Amino acid sequence: MTHKHLREIPAVFYRTTGGTEPVLDWLRSLPSEDRRVIGTDLATVQFGWPIGMPLCRPLGGGLWEVRSTLASHRIARVLFFVDDGRIGVVHGFIKKTQKTPDGDLEIARKRMKEMKT
């Protein structure tokens, strides 16, 4: 029996020039149960990349989303990119509409560009 070697891809959270980490701050603001679900889903991506649906979906331009289903039928999205052997976690939000809001995509793309330079 062969064991697939699991190699974890490090996740790097977006940090502003002022040193704050908005995605981590957002995660910390959530109830612990929600944090646990999102953390587990993120770890699944780190150990199993590349992963497709239903957990991950490409948003175009190198941006992906992790789709987490939280308690009470809420849905969280964590947006990330994979580059240079790391996962850049750029944005997270609780999804209130069917479509990912353009504003959230804009934030994520801007942060991705900053992290890649």
Protein backbone atom coordinates (compact mmCIF):
# COMPACT_ATOMS: atom_id res chain seq x y z
CA MET A 1 0.00 0.00 0.00
CA THR A 2 1.47 3.34 -0.98
CA HIS A 3 0.95 6.41 1.13
CA LYS A 4 0.62 9.68 -0.67
CA HIS A 5 3.01 12.09 0.96
CA LEU A 6 1.04 15.06 2.20
CA ARG A 7 2.93 18.26 1.78
CA GLU A 8 1.44 21.29 3.38
CA ILE A 9 1.51 24.49 1.37
CA PRO A 10 2.10 27.38 3.76
CA ALA A 11 -0.75 29.87 4.01
CA VAL A 12 0.30 33.49 4.21
CA PHE A 13 -2.31 35.99 5.31
CA TYR A 14 -2.49 39.39 3.67
CA ARG A 15 -0.90 42.12 5.78
CA THR A 16 -1.40 45.85 5.22
CA THR A 17 1.53 48.25 5.10
CA GLY A 18 0.39 49.31 8.57
CA GLY A 19 0.92 45.75 9.79
CA THR A 20 -2.71 44.74 10.32
CA GLU A 21 -4.02 41.42 9.02
CA PRO A 22 -7.63 42.06 7.98
CA VAL A 23 -8.42 38.43 7.10
CA LEU A 24 -7.13 37.16 10.46
CA ASP A 25 -8.99 39.97 12.25
CA TRP A 26 -12.16 38.95 10.43
CA LEU A 27 -11.63 35.29 11.38
CA ARG A 28 -11.06 36.24 15.03
CA SER A 29 -14.34 38.17 15.04
CA LEU A 30 -16.34 35.05 14.12
CA PRO A 31 -17.84 32.57 16.59
CA SER A 32 -15.37 29.79 17.45
CA GLU A 33 -17.46 27.15 15.68
CA ASP A 34 -17.34 29.17 12.42
CA ARG A 35 -13.60 29.69 12.85
CA ARG A 36 -13.12 25.95 13.29
CA VAL A 37 -15.04 25.13 10.09
CA ILE A 38 -13.16 27.73 8.03
CA GLY A 39 -9.82 26.68 9.53
CA THR A 40 -10.48 23.03 8.69
CA ASP A 41 -11.44 23.91 5.11
CA LEU A 42 -8.32 26.04 4.72
CA ALA A 43 -6.16 23.20 6.07
CA THR A 44 -7.78 20.83 3.54
CA VAL A 45 -6.66 23.19 0.78
CA GLN A 46 -3.15 23.45 2.24
CA PHE A 47 -2.71 19.67 2.35
CA GLY A 48 -4.64 18.72 -0.76
CA TRP A 49 -3.97 21.41 -3.33
CA PRO A 50 -5.08 21.44 -6.12
CA ILE A 51 -8.69 20.97 -5.05
CA GLY A 52 -11.79 21.59 -7.11
CA MET A 53 -15.47 21.82 -6.39
CA PRO A 54 -17.33 21.71 -4.10
CA LEU A 55 -14.69 23.13 -1.72
CA CYS A 56 -12.76 25.36 -4.12
CA ARG A 57 -13.84 27.31 -7.14
CA PRO A 58 -11.72 29.44 -9.47
CA LEU A 59 -12.79 33.08 -9.73
CA GLY A 60 -10.48 33.89 -12.64
CA GLY A 61 -7.17 35.69 -12.85
CA GLY A 62 -5.52 33.30 -10.41
CA LEU A 63 -8.01 33.97 -7.64
CA TRP A 64 -9.82 31.08 -5.92
CA GLU A 65 -12.43 30.78 -3.22
CA VAL A 66 -12.80 28.31 -0.36
CA ARG A 67 -16.48 27.65 0.19
CA SER A 68 -17.32 26.97 3.84
CA THR A 69 -20.78 26.11 5.07
CA LEU A 70 -21.29 27.45 8.58
CA ALA A 71 -23.93 26.71 11.17
CA SER A 72 -27.41 28.16 10.64
CA HIS A 73 -27.02 27.87 6.86
CA ARG A 74 -24.58 30.73 6.52
CA ILE A 75 -21.84 30.58 3.96
CA ALA A 76 -18.32 31.93 4.30
CA ARG A 77 -15.89 32.60 1.51
CA VAL A 78 -12.14 32.87 1.87
CA LEU A 79 -10.41 34.18 -1.26
CA PHE A 80 -6.85 33.14 -2.03
CA PHE A 81 -4.25 32.65 -4.72
CA VAL A 82 -1.44 30.13 -5.06
CA ASP A 83 1.92 31.53 -6.07
CA ASP A 84 5.53 30.69 -5.45
CA GLY A 85 4.72 27.63 -3.34
CA ARG A 86 2.41 29.45 -0.95
CA ILE A 87 -1.26 30.21 -0.50
CA GLY A 88 -1.93 33.92 -0.24
CA VAL A 89 -5.10 34.43 1.78
CA VAL A 90 -6.39 37.83 0.72
CA HIS A 91 -10.00 38.20 1.82
CA GLY A 92 -12.82 36.60 3.77
CA PHE A 93 -16.49 37.40 4.20
CA ILE A 94 -19.88 35.94 5.03
CA LYS A 95 -21.78 35.54 1.80
CA LYS A 96 -25.20 37.14 1.76
CA THR A 97 -26.03 36.88 -1.93
CA GLN A 98 -25.77 34.19 -4.59
CA LYS A 99 -23.01 36.00 -6.44
CA THR A 100 -19.72 37.08 -4.90
CA PRO A 101 -20.02 40.90 -4.67
CA ASP A 102 -17.75 42.85 -7.03
CA GLY A 103 -16.46 44.91 -4.11
CA ASP A 104 -15.15 41.78 -2.42
CA LEU A 105 -13.48 40.62 -5.64
CA GLU A 106 -11.89 44.03 -6.08
CA ILE A 107 -10.43 43.97 -2.57
CA ALA A 108 -9.09 40.45 -3.14
CA ARG A 109 -7.50 41.30 -6.51
CA LYS A 110 -5.87 44.44 -5.16
CA ARG A 111 -4.39 42.53 -2.21
CA MET A 112 -3.23 39.70 -4.47
CA LYS A 113 -1.36 42.20 -6.63
CA GLU A 114 0.29 43.69 -3.54
CA MET A 115 1.34 40.30 -2.23
CA LYS A 116 2.79 39.18 -5.56
CA THR A 117 5.11 42.18 -5.95
